[in-house]
PDB file of N, CA and C in Angstrom:
ATOM      1  N   MET A   1     221.471   1.383 101.150  1.00  0.00           N
ATOM      2  CA  MET A   1     222.421   2.533 101.566  1.00  0.00           C
ATOM      3  C   MET A   1     222.586   3.455 100.547  1.00  0.00           C
ATOM      4  N   LYS A   2     222.350   4.638 100.882  1.00  0.00           N
ATOM      5  CA  LYS A   2     222.625   5.950  99.876  1.00  0.00           C
ATOM      6  C   LYS A   2     224.049   6.491 100.225  1.00  0.00           C
ATOM      7  N   LEU A   3     224.737   6.555  99.344  1.00  0.00           N
ATOM      8  CA  LEU A   3     226.068   7.225  99.334  1.00  0.00           C
ATOM      9  C   LEU A   3     226.084   8.579  99.209  1.00  0.00           C
ATOM     10  N   SER A   4     227.079   9.231  99.811  1.00  0.00           N
ATOM     11  CA  SER A   4     227.160  10.777  99.853  1.00  0.00           C
ATOM     12  C   SER A   4     227.723  11.236  98.423  1.00  0.00           C
ATOM     13  N   LYS A   5     227.546  12.451  98.157  1.00  0.00           N
ATOM     14  CA  LYS A   5     228.126  12.891  96.919  1.00  0.00           C
ATOM     15  C   LYS A   5     229.696  12.483  96.724  1.00  0.00           C
ATOM     16  N   LYS A   6     230.391  12.801  97.731  1.00  0.00           N
ATOM     17  CA  LYS A   6     231.863  12.514  97.918  1.00  0.00           C
ATOM     18  C   LYS A   6     231.974  11.092  97.601  1.00  0.00           C
ATOM     19  N   GLU A   7     231.384  10.201  98.370  1.00  0.00           N
ATOM     20  CA  GLU A   7     231.615   8.642  98.208  1.00  0.00           C
ATOM     21  C   GLU A   7     231.184   8.255  96.747  1.00  0.00           C
ATOM     22  N   SER A   8     230.002   8.906  96.186  1.00  0.00           N
ATOM     23  CA  SER A   8     229.768   8.385  94.897  1.00  0.00           C
ATOM     24  C   SER A   8     230.886   8.994  93.929  1.00  0.00           C
ATOM     25  N   VAL A   9     231.550  10.097  94.041  1.00  0.00           N
ATOM     26  CA  VAL A   9     232.679  10.497  93.294  1.00  0.00           C
ATOM     27  C   VAL A   9     233.818   9.598  93.160  1.00  0.00           C
ATOM     28  N   GLU A  10     234.281   9.342  94.549  1.00  0.00           N
ATOM     29  CA  GLU A  10     235.239   8.257  95.012  1.00  0.00           C
ATOM     30  C   GLU A  10     234.855   6.982  94.275  1.00  0.00           C
ATOM     31  N   LEU A  11     233.829   6.510  94.279  1.00  0.00           N
ATOM     32  CA  LEU A  11     233.280   5.180  93.673  1.00  0.00           C
ATOM     33  C   LEU A  11     233.591   5.092  92.041  1.00  0.00           C
ATOM     34  N   LEU A  12     233.152   6.239  91.626  1.00  0.00           N
ATOM     35  CA  LEU A  12     233.229   6.302  90.053  1.00  0.00           C
ATOM     36  C   LEU A  12     234.596   6.500  89.722  1.00  0.00           C
ATOM     37  N   ARG A  13     235.444   7.206  90.460  1.00  0.00           N
ATOM     38  CA  ARG A  13     236.958   7.454  90.216  1.00  0.00           C
ATOM     39  C   ARG A  13     237.718   5.865  90.387  1.00  0.00           C
ATOM     40  N   LEU A  14     237.210   5.434  91.271  1.00  0.00           N
ATOM     41  CA  LEU A  14     237.866   3.834  91.378  1.00  0.00           C
ATOM     42  C   LEU A  14     237.362   2.986  90.222  1.00  0.00           C
ATOM     43  N   LYS A  15     236.211   3.062  89.737  1.00  0.00           N
ATOM     44  CA  LYS A  15     235.849   2.472  88.647  1.00  0.00           C
ATOM     45  C   LYS A  15     236.677   2.530  87.391  1.00  0.00           C
ATOM     46  N   MET A  16     236.843   3.918  87.208  1.00  0.00           N
ATOM     47  CA  MET A  16     237.370   4.490  86.114  1.00  0.00           C
ATOM     48  C   MET A  16     238.743   3.967  86.328  1.00  0.00           C
ATOM     49  N   ASP A  17     239.523   4.128  87.364  1.00  0.00           N
ATOM     50  CA  ASP A  17     240.878   3.605  87.547  1.00  0.00           C
ATOM     51  C   ASP A  17     241.184   2.122  87.062  1.00  0.00           C
ATOM     52  N   LYS A  18     240.166   1.330  87.493  1.00  0.00           N
ATOM     53  CA  LYS A  18     240.137   0.027  87.235  1.00  0.00           C
ATOM     54  C   LYS A  18     240.078  -0.234  85.373  1.00  0.00           C
ATOM     55  N   GLU A  19     239.427   0.618  84.911  1.00  0.00           N
ATOM     56  CA  GLU A  19     239.399   0.518  83.486  1.00  0.00           C
ATOM     57  C   GLU A  19     240.599   0.987  82.794  1.00  0.00           C
ATOM     58  N   LEU A  20     241.208   1.735  83.417  1.00  0.00           N
ATOM     59  CA  LEU A  20     242.436   2.403  82.863  1.00  0.00           C
ATOM     60  C   LEU A  20     243.722   1.333  83.047  1.00  0.00           C
ATOM     61  N   ILE A  21     243.556   0.567  83.938  1.00  0.00           N
ATOM     62  CA  ILE A  21     244.633  -0.241  84.072  1.00  0.00           C
ATOM     63  C   ILE A  21     244.459  -1.583  83.466  1.00  0.00           C
ATOM     64  N   LYS A  22     243.437  -1.794  82.941  1.00  0.00           N
ATOM     65  CA  LYS A  22     243.224  -3.167  82.001  1.00  0.00           C
ATOM     66  C   LYS A  22     243.854  -2.950  80.741  1.00  0.00           C
ATOM     67  N   ILE A  23     244.509  -4.020  80.136  1.00  0.00           N
ATOM     68  CA  ILE A  23     244.888  -3.952  78.719  1.00  0.00           C
ATOM     69  C   ILE A  23     243.919  -4.565  77.848  1.00  0.00           C
ATOM     70  N   THR A  24     243.981  -4.080  76.594  1.00  0.00           N
ATOM     71  CA  THR A  24     243.171  -4.725  75.540  1.00  0.00           C
ATOM     72  C   THR A  24     243.780  -6.119  75.154  1.00  0.00           C
ATOM     73  N   THR A  25     242.856  -7.002  74.422  1.00  0.00           N
ATOM     74  CA  THR A  25     243.290  -8.214  73.859  1.00  0.00           C
ATOM     75  C   THR A  25     244.252  -8.025  73.021  1.00  0.00           C
ATOM     76  N   GLU A  26     244.428  -7.011  72.184  1.00  0.00           N
ATOM     77  CA  GLU A  26     245.691  -6.703  71.216  1.00  0.00           C
ATOM     78  C   GLU A  26     246.854  -6.500  72.164  1.00  0.00           C
ATOM     79  N   GLN A  27     246.760  -5.620  73.131  1.00  0.00           N
ATOM     80  CA  GLN A  27     248.006  -5.285  73.974  1.00  0.00           C
ATOM     81  C   GLN A  27     248.295  -6.613  74.641  1.00  0.00           C
ATOM     82  N   ASP A  28     247.501  -7.395  75.268  1.00  0.00           N
ATOM     83  CA  ASP A  28     247.908  -8.716  75.749  1.00  0.00           C
ATOM     84  C   ASP A  28     248.719  -9.436  74.950  1.00  0.00           C
ATOM     85  N   PHE A  29     248.354  -9.675  73.316  1.00  0.00           N
ATOM     86  CA  PHE A  29     248.979 -10.391  72.569  1.00  0.00           C
ATOM     87  C   PHE A  29     250.233  -9.750  72.382  1.00  0.00           C
ATOM     88  N   ARG A  30     250.394  -8.465  72.039  1.00  0.00           N
ATOM     89  CA  ARG A  30     251.819  -7.857  72.100  1.00  0.00           C
ATOM     90  C   ARG A  30     252.826  -8.056  73.176  1.00  0.00           C
ATOM     91  N   LEU A  31     252.020  -7.981  74.304  1.00  0.00           N
ATOM     92  CA  LEU A  31     252.850  -8.409  75.403  1.00  0.00           C
ATOM     93  C   LEU A  31     253.494  -9.754  75.551  1.00  0.00           C
ATOM     94  N   LYS A  32     252.603 -10.687  75.172  1.00  0.00           N
ATOM     95  CA  LYS A  32     253.179 -12.127  75.020  1.00  0.00           C
ATOM     96  C   LYS A  32     254.191 -12.222  73.931  1.00  0.00           C
ATOM     97  N   VAL A  33     253.923 -11.417  72.927  1.00  0.00           N
ATOM     98  CA  VAL A  33     255.111 -11.527  71.771  1.00  0.00           C
ATOM     99  C   VAL A  33     256.512 -10.949  72.117  1.00  0.00           C
ATOM    100  N   PHE A  34     256.258  -9.821  72.747  1.00  0.00           N
ATOM    101  CA  PHE A  34     257.279  -9.152  73.427  1.00  0.00           C
ATOM    102  C   PHE A  34     258.106 -10.018  74.384  1.00  0.00           C
ATOM    103  N   SER A  35     257.334 -10.827  75.429  1.00  0.00           N
ATOM    104  CA  SER A  35     257.783 -11.452  76.431  1.00  0.00           C
ATOM    105  C   SER A  35     258.583 -12.734  75.736  1.00  0.00           C
ATOM    106  N   ASP A  36     258.298 -13.451  74.722  1.00  0.00           N
ATOM    107  CA  ASP A  36     258.897 -14.424  73.943  1.00  0.00           C
ATOM    108  C   ASP A  36     260.055 -13.917  73.348  1.00  0.00           C
ATOM    109  N   GLU A  37     260.147 -12.854  72.712  1.00  0.00           N
ATOM    110  CA  GLU A  37     261.338 -12.231  72.062  1.00  0.00           C
ATOM    111  C   GLU A  37     262.411 -11.922  73.164  1.00  0.00           C
ATOM    112  N   VAL A  38     261.947 -11.169  74.396  1.00  0.00           N
ATOM    113  CA  VAL A  38     262.989 -11.072  75.305  1.00  0.00           C
ATOM    114  C   VAL A  38     263.680 -11.976  75.904  1.00  0.00           C
ATOM    115  N   LYS A  39     263.076 -13.007  75.991  1.00  0.00           N
ATOM    116  CA  LYS A  39     263.716 -14.331  76.473  1.00  0.00           C
ATOM    117  C   LYS A  39     265.117 -14.602  75.843  1.00  0.00           C
ATOM    118  N   GLU A  40     265.277 -14.298  74.758  1.00  0.00           N
ATOM    119  CA  GLU A  40     266.351 -14.646  73.986  1.00  0.00           C
ATOM    120  C   GLU A  40     267.464 -13.549  74.139  1.00  0.00           C
ATOM    121  N   LEU A  41     267.226 -12.461  74.892  1.00  0.00           N
ATOM    122  CA  LEU A  41     268.263 -11.440  75.124  1.00  0.00           C
ATOM    123  C   LEU A  41     269.265 -11.850  76.011  1.00  0.00           C
ATOM    124  N   SER A  42     270.393 -11.253  75.651  1.00  0.00           N
ATOM    125  CA  SER A  42     271.852 -11.381  76.780  1.00  0.00           C
ATOM    126  C   SER A  42     271.406 -10.432  77.810  1.00  0.00           C
ATOM    127  N   ALA A  43     272.184 -10.530  78.955  1.00  0.00           N
ATOM    128  CA  ALA A  43     272.097  -9.652  79.990  1.00  0.00           C
ATOM    129  C   ALA A  43     272.316  -8.279  79.632  1.00  0.00           C
ATOM    130  N   VAL A  44     273.309  -8.186  78.820  1.00  0.00           N
ATOM    131  CA  VAL A  44     273.840  -6.598  78.248  1.00  0.00           C
ATOM    132  C   VAL A  44     272.557  -6.117  77.455  1.00  0.00           C
ATOM    133  N   GLU A  45     272.124  -6.926  76.377  1.00  0.00           N
ATOM    134  CA  GLU A  45     271.061  -6.321  75.630  1.00  0.00           C
ATOM    135  C   GLU A  45     269.629  -6.230  76.456  1.00  0.00           C
ATOM    136  N   SER A  46     269.383  -6.820  77.668  1.00  0.00           N
ATOM    137  CA  SER A  46     268.342  -6.760  78.466  1.00  0.00           C
ATOM    138  C   SER A  46     268.626  -5.383  79.026  1.00  0.00           C
ATOM    139  N   HIS A  47     269.718  -4.989  79.675  1.00  0.00           N
ATOM    140  CA  HIS A  47     270.008  -3.707  80.401  1.00  0.00           C
ATOM    141  C   HIS A  47     269.743  -2.710  79.252  1.00  0.00           C
ATOM    142  N   ILE A  48     270.377  -2.767  77.968  1.00  0.00           N
ATOM    143  CA  ILE A  48     270.114  -1.575  77.101  1.00  0.00           C
ATOM    144  C   ILE A  48     268.513  -1.493  76.950  1.00  0.00           C
ATOM    145  N   LEU A  49     267.938  -2.572  76.627  1.00  0.00           N
ATOM    146  CA  LEU A  49     266.468  -2.408  76.406  1.00  0.00           C
ATOM    147  C   LEU A  49     265.889  -1.813  77.721  1.00  0.00           C
ATOM    148  N   LEU A  50     265.859  -2.312  78.633  1.00  0.00           N
ATOM    149  CA  LEU A  50     265.286  -1.709  79.948  1.00  0.00           C
ATOM    150  C   LEU A  50     265.495  -0.418  80.058  1.00  0.00           C
ATOM    151  N   THR A  51     266.756   0.074  79.851  1.00  0.00           N
ATOM    152  CA  THR A  51     267.380   1.525  79.962  1.00  0.00           C
ATOM    153  C   THR A  51     266.480   2.396  79.046  1.00  0.00           C
ATOM    154  N   GLU A  52     266.381   2.033  77.952  1.00  0.00           N
ATOM    155  CA  GLU A  52     265.803   2.556  76.749  1.00  0.00           C
ATOM    156  C   GLU A  52     264.261   2.676  77.064  1.00  0.00           C
ATOM    157  N   MET A  53     263.710   1.683  77.479  1.00  0.00           N
ATOM    158  CA  MET A  53     262.337   1.543  77.825  1.00  0.00           C
ATOM    159  C   MET A  53     261.834   2.805  78.940  1.00  0.00           C
ATOM    160  N   MET A  54     262.797   2.729  79.970  1.00  0.00           N
ATOM    161  CA  MET A  54     262.548   3.685  81.046  1.00  0.00           C
ATOM    162  C   MET A  54     262.520   5.245  80.490  1.00  0.00           C
ATOM    163  N   ARG A  55     263.664   5.418  79.728  1.00  0.00           N
ATOM    164  CA  ARG A  55     263.768   6.812  79.277  1.00  0.00           C
ATOM    165  C   ARG A  55     262.466   7.063  78.275  1.00  0.00           C
ATOM    166  N   GLN A  56     262.009   6.213  77.420  1.00  0.00           N
ATOM    167  CA  GLN A  56     260.853   6.516  76.758  1.00  0.00           C
ATOM    168  C   GLN A  56     259.600   6.803  77.643  1.00  0.00           C
ATOM    169  N   ASN A  57     259.409   6.081  78.844  1.00  0.00           N
ATOM    170  CA  ASN A  57     258.370   6.194  79.649  1.00  0.00           C
ATOM    171  C   ASN A  57     258.617   7.589  80.236  1.00  0.00           C
ATOM    172  N   MET A  58     259.666   7.976  80.367  1.00  0.00           N
ATOM    173  CA  MET A  58     259.647   9.476  81.060  1.00  0.00           C
ATOM    174  C   MET A  58     259.295  10.414  80.086  1.00  0.00           C
ATOM    175  N   ILE A  59     259.757  10.153  78.936  1.00  0.00           N
ATOM    176  CA  ILE A  59     259.334  11.077  77.968  1.00  0.00           C
ATOM    177  C   ILE A  59     257.877  11.270  77.801  1.00  0.00           C
ATOM    178  N   LYS A  60     257.322   9.957  77.807  1.00  0.00           N
ATOM    179  CA  LYS A  60     255.818   9.907  77.799  1.00  0.00           C
ATOM    180  C   LYS A  60     255.154  10.805  78.872  1.00  0.00           C
ATOM    181  N   ASP A  61     255.683  10.564  80.006  1.00  0.00           N
ATOM    182  CA  ASP A  61     255.240  11.094  81.194  1.00  0.00           C
ATOM    183  C   ASP A  61     255.398  12.596  81.097  1.00  0.00           C
ATOM    184  N   ASN A  62     256.393  13.161  80.718  1.00  0.00           N
ATOM    185  CA  ASN A  62     256.694  14.712  80.254  1.00  0.00           C
ATOM    186  C   ASN A  62     255.512  15.044  79.373  1.00  0.00           C
ATOM    187  N   VAL A  63     255.361  14.493  78.281  1.00  0.00           N
ATOM    188  CA  VAL A  63     254.262  14.701  77.412  1.00  0.00           C
ATOM    189  C   VAL A  63     253.018  14.858  77.742  1.00  0.00           C
ATOM    190  N   ILE A  64     252.558  13.794  78.538  1.00  0.00           N
ATOM    191  CA  ILE A  64     251.255  13.857  79.440  1.00  0.00           C
ATOM    192  C   ILE A  64     251.015  15.053  80.409  1.00  0.00           C
ATOM    193  N   LYS A  65     252.191  15.233  81.265  1.00  0.00           N
ATOM    194  CA  LYS A  65     252.141  16.300  82.019  1.00  0.00           C
ATOM    195  C   LYS A  65     251.945  17.585  81.241  1.00  0.00           C
ATOM    196  N   GLY A  66     252.565  17.811  80.178  1.00  0.00           N
ATOM    197  CA  GLY A  66     252.683  18.904  79.341  1.00  0.00           C
ATOM    198  C   GLY A  66     251.234  18.903  78.725  1.00  0.00           C
ATOM    199  N   LEU A  67     250.734  18.124  78.353  1.00  0.00           N
ATOM    200  CA  LEU A  67     249.164  18.166  77.823  1.00  0.00           C
ATOM    201  C   LEU A  67     248.251  18.475  78.821  1.00  0.00           C
ATOM    202  N   LEU A  68     248.614  18.056  80.265  1.00  0.00           N
ATOM    203  CA  LEU A  68     247.760  18.452  81.246  1.00  0.00           C
ATOM    204  C   LEU A  68     247.866  19.848  81.751  1.00  0.00           C
ATOM    205  N   GLY A  69     249.020  20.613  81.111  1.00  0.00           N
ATOM    206  CA  GLY A  69     249.346  21.808  81.571  1.00  0.00           C
ATOM    207  C   GLY A  69     250.142  22.085  82.865  1.00  0.00           C
ATOM    208  N   VAL A  70     250.991  21.134  83.118  1.00  0.00           N
ATOM    209  CA  VAL A  70     251.767  20.986  84.333  1.00  0.00           C
ATOM    210  C   VAL A  70     253.026  21.771  83.978  1.00  0.00           C
ATOM    211  N   LYS A  71     253.383  22.885  84.739  1.00  0.00           N
ATOM    212  CA  LYS A  71     254.472  23.628  84.320  1.00  0.00           C
ATOM    213  C   LYS A  71     255.811  22.877  84.339  1.00  0.00           C
ATOM    214  N   PRO A  72     256.837  23.174  83.727  1.00  0.00           N
ATOM    215  CA  PRO A  72     258.298  22.460  83.889  1.00  0.00           C
ATOM    216  C   PRO A  72     258.595  22.372  85.159  1.00  0.00           C
ATOM    217  N   SER A  73     258.547  23.571  86.102  1.00  0.00           N
ATOM    218  CA  SER A  73     258.952  23.627  87.592  1.00  0.00           C
ATOM    219  C   SER A  73     258.269  22.650  88.322  1.00  0.00           C
ATOM    220  N   GLU A  74     256.991  22.294  87.995  1.00  0.00           N
ATOM    221  CA  GLU A  74     256.320  21.355  88.750  1.00  0.00           C
ATOM    222  C   GLU A  74     256.523  19.905  88.419  1.00  0.00           C
ATOM    223  N   ARG A  75     257.350  19.655  87.481  1.00  0.00           N
ATOM    224  CA  ARG A  75     257.499  18.356  87.018  1.00  0.00           C
ATOM    225  C   ARG A  75     258.676  17.557  87.925  1.00  0.00           C
TER     226      ARG A  75
END
């Protein structure tokens, strides 16, 4: 079965997306270490950590959007 150009592009995009959502072995190890460390946090410490992580993710998103040339009004 031959795919159309549009279907081929979509299939390639899906394959790329799958690669982007995988984590490396090193990242997997760091995640395990982090998971073990946060088990020891109190509810208040967890709240503070999660709030800070969310803030940092928002900053990262803004940096990526800036690198992609998305104007501030489009954010």
